[in-house]
């Protein structure tokens, strides 16, 4: 009886972890789809301005914005796609 309960509990734990993992995957996909529809300007406003006052896009050169984008990507937890959109907006 004890062995049966341990096996049953193991199956329940494995199923719970599997369901949670699949759910997280779907949430991540939904978030990624929302990001792809946003413009660089929207992402800039949502991500950069939440921590500090952002400078005018003309403050830095195109190359400087690329460097700043790489630095801020890790600090703001941006994806490559988000960073690319923001930098493209700032380089306009």
N, C-alpha and C. Protein backbone atom coordinates (compact mmCIF):
# COMPACT_ATOMS: atom_id res chain seq x y z
N UNK A 1 0.83 -1.19 0.00
CA UNK A 1 0.00 0.00 0.00
C UNK A 1 0.87 1.25 0.00
N UNK A 2 1.95 1.26 0.82
CA UNK A 2 2.83 2.41 0.91
C UNK A 2 3.51 2.67 -0.44
N UNK A 3 3.93 1.62 -1.13
CA UNK A 3 4.58 1.74 -2.44
C UNK A 3 3.59 2.33 -3.45
N UNK A 4 2.35 1.91 -3.40
CA UNK A 4 1.32 2.43 -4.30
C UNK A 4 1.11 3.92 -4.09
N UNK A 5 1.08 4.37 -2.84
CA UNK A 5 0.91 5.79 -2.55
C UNK A 5 2.11 6.61 -3.03
N UNK A 6 3.31 6.08 -2.86
CA UNK A 6 4.50 6.78 -3.34
C UNK A 6 4.49 6.92 -4.86
N UNK A 7 4.10 5.85 -5.55
CA UNK A 7 4.02 5.91 -7.01
C UNK A 7 2.94 6.90 -7.46
N UNK A 8 1.80 6.87 -6.77
CA UNK A 8 0.71 7.77 -7.11
C UNK A 8 1.13 9.23 -6.86
N UNK A 9 1.81 9.47 -5.76
CA UNK A 9 2.27 10.82 -5.44
C UNK A 9 3.30 11.28 -6.46
N UNK A 10 4.19 10.41 -6.88
CA UNK A 10 5.19 10.75 -7.89
C UNK A 10 4.52 11.14 -9.20
N UNK A 11 3.52 10.42 -9.60
CA UNK A 11 2.79 10.72 -10.84
C UNK A 11 2.11 12.08 -10.72
N UNK A 12 1.51 12.35 -9.59
CA UNK A 12 0.84 13.65 -9.39
C UNK A 12 1.85 14.78 -9.46
N UNK A 13 3.00 14.63 -8.83
CA UNK A 13 4.04 15.67 -8.86
C UNK A 13 4.53 15.88 -10.28
N UNK A 14 4.79 14.82 -11.01
CA UNK A 14 5.27 14.93 -12.39
C UNK A 14 4.21 15.61 -13.26
N UNK A 15 2.96 15.25 -13.10
CA UNK A 15 1.89 15.87 -13.90
C UNK A 15 1.76 17.36 -13.57
N UNK A 16 1.87 17.71 -12.31
CA UNK A 16 1.78 19.11 -11.90
C UNK A 16 2.91 19.93 -12.51
N UNK A 17 4.13 19.40 -12.45
CA UNK A 17 5.27 20.11 -13.04
C UNK A 17 5.10 20.25 -14.54
N UNK A 18 4.62 19.20 -15.20
CA UNK A 18 4.41 19.24 -16.65
C UNK A 18 3.37 20.28 -17.02
N UNK A 19 2.28 20.32 -16.31
CA UNK A 19 1.22 21.30 -16.59
C UNK A 19 1.72 22.71 -16.36
N UNK A 20 2.46 22.93 -15.30
CA UNK A 20 3.00 24.26 -15.02
C UNK A 20 3.99 24.68 -16.11
N UNK A 21 4.81 23.76 -16.57
CA UNK A 21 5.78 24.08 -17.62
C UNK A 21 5.09 24.43 -18.93
N UNK A 22 4.09 23.67 -19.30
CA UNK A 22 3.35 23.93 -20.55
C UNK A 22 2.62 25.27 -20.44
N UNK A 23 2.05 25.54 -19.29
CA UNK A 23 1.35 26.82 -19.09
C UNK A 23 2.31 27.99 -19.23
N UNK A 24 3.48 27.88 -18.64
CA UNK A 24 4.48 28.95 -18.73
C UNK A 24 4.92 29.15 -20.18
N UNK A 25 5.01 28.06 -20.93
CA UNK A 25 5.40 28.15 -22.34
C UNK A 25 4.36 28.94 -23.12
N UNK A 26 3.08 28.67 -22.90
CA UNK A 26 2.03 29.40 -23.61
C UNK A 26 1.99 30.87 -23.21
N UNK A 27 2.22 31.17 -21.96
CA UNK A 27 2.25 32.56 -21.51
C UNK A 27 3.41 33.28 -22.16
N UNK A 28 4.56 32.64 -22.23
CA UNK A 28 5.73 33.22 -22.88
C UNK A 28 5.49 33.50 -24.34
N UNK A 29 4.81 32.58 -25.03
CA UNK A 29 4.50 32.79 -26.45
C UNK A 29 3.55 33.96 -26.62
N UNK A 30 2.57 34.08 -25.75
CA UNK A 30 1.63 35.19 -25.83
C UNK A 30 2.35 36.50 -25.61
N UNK A 31 3.24 36.56 -24.64
CA UNK A 31 3.99 37.79 -24.38
C UNK A 31 4.85 38.14 -25.58
N UNK A 32 5.49 37.14 -26.20
CA UNK A 32 6.33 37.39 -27.36
C UNK A 32 5.51 37.93 -28.52
N UNK A 33 4.30 37.42 -28.69
CA UNK A 33 3.44 37.91 -29.77
C UNK A 33 3.04 39.35 -29.52
N UNK A 34 2.79 39.72 -28.28
CA UNK A 34 2.43 41.10 -27.96
C UNK A 34 3.60 42.03 -28.26
N UNK A 35 4.81 41.58 -27.98
CA UNK A 35 6.00 42.39 -28.22
C UNK A 35 6.20 42.62 -29.70
N UNK A 36 5.96 41.61 -30.52
CA UNK A 36 6.21 41.75 -31.95
C UNK A 36 5.29 42.77 -32.59
N UNK A 37 4.16 43.04 -31.99
CA UNK A 37 3.25 44.02 -32.57
C UNK A 37 3.57 45.45 -32.12
N UNK A 38 4.46 45.61 -31.16
CA UNK A 38 4.79 46.93 -30.64
C UNK A 38 5.90 47.57 -31.47
N UNK A 39 5.80 48.87 -31.60
CA UNK A 39 6.82 49.62 -32.33
C UNK A 39 8.01 49.90 -31.42
N UNK A 40 9.11 50.34 -32.03
CA UNK A 40 10.28 50.72 -31.25
C UNK A 40 9.98 51.86 -30.30
N UNK A 41 9.14 52.78 -30.75
CA UNK A 41 8.77 53.92 -29.90
C UNK A 41 7.99 53.46 -28.68
N UNK A 42 7.08 52.52 -28.87
CA UNK A 42 6.30 52.00 -27.74
C UNK A 42 7.22 51.27 -26.76
N UNK A 43 8.09 50.43 -27.28
CA UNK A 43 9.00 49.69 -26.41
C UNK A 43 9.95 50.63 -25.68
N UNK A 44 10.40 51.67 -26.37
CA UNK A 44 11.28 52.68 -25.75
C UNK A 44 10.57 53.35 -24.58
N UNK A 45 9.32 53.76 -24.81
CA UNK A 45 8.55 54.43 -23.76
C UNK A 45 8.28 53.50 -22.57
N UNK A 46 7.96 52.26 -22.86
CA UNK A 46 7.62 51.32 -21.79
C UNK A 46 8.83 50.84 -21.00
N UNK A 47 9.94 50.67 -21.66
CA UNK A 47 11.11 50.07 -21.00
C UNK A 47 12.13 51.08 -20.51
N UNK A 48 12.40 52.09 -21.29
CA UNK A 48 13.47 53.02 -20.94
C UNK A 48 13.00 54.06 -19.92
N UNK A 49 11.80 54.55 -20.13
CA UNK A 49 11.31 55.62 -19.27
C UNK A 49 10.81 55.14 -17.92
N UNK A 50 10.69 53.86 -17.74
CA UNK A 50 10.21 53.39 -16.43
C UNK A 50 11.29 53.50 -15.36
N UNK A 51 12.57 53.58 -15.79
CA UNK A 51 13.65 53.67 -14.80
C UNK A 51 14.28 55.05 -14.71
N UNK A 52 14.30 55.78 -15.80
CA UNK A 52 14.96 57.07 -15.78
C UNK A 52 14.46 57.93 -16.93
N UNK A 53 14.76 59.21 -16.86
CA UNK A 53 14.42 60.10 -17.96
C UNK A 53 15.34 59.77 -19.13
N UNK A 54 14.75 59.52 -20.26
CA UNK A 54 15.56 59.13 -21.41
C UNK A 54 15.98 60.36 -22.20
N UNK A 55 17.18 60.32 -22.74
CA UNK A 55 17.65 61.45 -23.53
C UNK A 55 16.95 61.49 -24.89
N UNK A 56 17.06 62.60 -25.54
CA UNK A 56 16.54 62.75 -26.90
C UNK A 56 17.30 61.80 -27.82
N UNK A 57 16.64 61.23 -28.82
CA UNK A 57 17.34 60.35 -29.76
C UNK A 57 18.53 61.02 -30.44
N UNK A 58 18.51 62.34 -30.57
CA UNK A 58 19.63 63.04 -31.23
C UNK A 58 20.82 63.26 -30.30
N UNK A 59 20.70 62.88 -29.05
CA UNK A 59 21.78 63.06 -28.08
C UNK A 59 23.01 62.22 -28.42
N UNK A 60 22.78 61.03 -28.97
CA UNK A 60 23.87 60.11 -29.27
C UNK A 60 23.90 59.76 -30.75
N UNK A 61 25.07 59.31 -31.22
CA UNK A 61 25.22 58.89 -32.62
C UNK A 61 24.59 57.51 -32.81
N UNK A 62 24.50 57.08 -34.06
CA UNK A 62 23.94 55.76 -34.36
C UNK A 62 24.75 54.67 -33.67
N UNK A 63 26.08 54.76 -33.76
CA UNK A 63 26.94 53.75 -33.12
C UNK A 63 26.81 53.76 -31.60
N UNK A 64 26.67 54.94 -31.04
CA UNK A 64 26.50 55.03 -29.59
C UNK A 64 25.19 54.39 -29.16
N UNK A 65 24.11 54.58 -29.94
CA UNK A 65 22.83 53.96 -29.59
C UNK A 65 22.93 52.44 -29.63
N UNK A 66 23.69 51.91 -30.57
CA UNK A 66 23.87 50.45 -30.63
C UNK A 66 24.55 49.96 -29.35
N UNK A 67 25.60 50.65 -28.94
CA UNK A 67 26.31 50.29 -27.71
C UNK A 67 25.41 50.43 -26.49
N UNK A 68 24.69 51.53 -26.42
CA UNK A 68 23.77 51.75 -25.30
C UNK A 68 22.68 50.67 -25.29
N UNK A 69 22.18 50.32 -26.47
CA UNK A 69 21.16 49.27 -26.57
C UNK A 69 21.65 47.94 -26.03
N UNK A 70 22.89 47.59 -26.37
CA UNK A 70 23.46 46.33 -25.87
C UNK A 70 23.60 46.36 -24.34
N UNK A 71 24.04 47.49 -23.82
CA UNK A 71 24.21 47.63 -22.37
C UNK A 71 22.85 47.56 -21.66
N UNK A 72 21.90 48.29 -22.17
CA UNK A 72 20.61 48.37 -21.50
C UNK A 72 19.78 47.10 -21.69
N UNK A 73 20.06 46.33 -22.72
CA UNK A 73 19.32 45.08 -22.94
C UNK A 73 19.44 44.17 -21.72
N UNK A 74 20.64 44.03 -21.20
CA UNK A 74 20.83 43.16 -20.05
C UNK A 74 20.25 43.77 -18.78
N UNK A 75 20.30 45.07 -18.67
CA UNK A 75 19.80 45.73 -17.45
C UNK A 75 18.27 45.75 -17.41
N UNK A 76 17.64 45.92 -18.58
CA UNK A 76 16.18 46.01 -18.64
C UNK A 76 15.54 44.68 -19.01
N UNK A 77 16.37 43.65 -19.16
CA UNK A 77 15.89 42.31 -19.53
C UNK A 77 15.09 42.33 -20.83
N UNK A 78 15.66 42.96 -21.84
CA UNK A 78 15.03 43.06 -23.15
C UNK A 78 15.44 41.87 -24.02
N UNK A 79 14.57 41.48 -24.91
CA UNK A 79 14.94 40.46 -25.89
C UNK A 79 15.75 41.13 -26.99
N UNK A 80 16.36 40.32 -27.84
CA UNK A 80 17.10 40.87 -28.98
C UNK A 80 16.17 41.67 -29.88
N UNK A 81 14.96 41.14 -30.11
CA UNK A 81 14.00 41.82 -30.98
C UNK A 81 13.60 43.17 -30.40
N UNK A 82 13.36 43.23 -29.10
CA UNK A 82 13.00 44.49 -28.47
C UNK A 82 14.13 45.51 -28.60
N UNK A 83 15.34 45.06 -28.29
CA UNK A 83 16.50 45.95 -28.39
C UNK A 83 16.66 46.48 -29.82
N UNK A 84 16.54 45.60 -30.79
CA UNK A 84 16.69 46.01 -32.19
C UNK A 84 15.64 47.05 -32.58
N UNK A 85 14.41 46.86 -32.15
CA UNK A 85 13.35 47.82 -32.46
C UNK A 85 13.60 49.17 -31.80
N UNK A 86 14.02 49.14 -30.55
CA UNK A 86 14.28 50.39 -29.82
C UNK A 86 15.44 51.14 -30.47
N UNK A 87 16.52 50.43 -30.77
CA UNK A 87 17.70 51.08 -31.37
C UNK A 87 17.35 51.62 -32.74
N UNK A 88 16.57 50.87 -33.53
CA UNK A 88 16.17 51.35 -34.85
C UNK A 88 15.35 52.63 -34.72
N UNK A 89 14.47 52.69 -33.73
CA UNK A 89 13.68 53.90 -33.50
C UNK A 89 14.59 55.07 -33.14
N UNK A 90 15.54 54.83 -32.26
CA UNK A 90 16.43 55.91 -31.81
C UNK A 90 17.37 56.39 -32.91
N UNK A 91 17.69 55.52 -33.85
CA UNK A 91 18.60 55.88 -34.94
C UNK A 91 17.89 56.64 -36.06
N UNK A 92 16.58 56.73 -36.03
CA UNK A 92 15.81 57.42 -37.09
C UNK A 92 16.08 58.90 -37.08
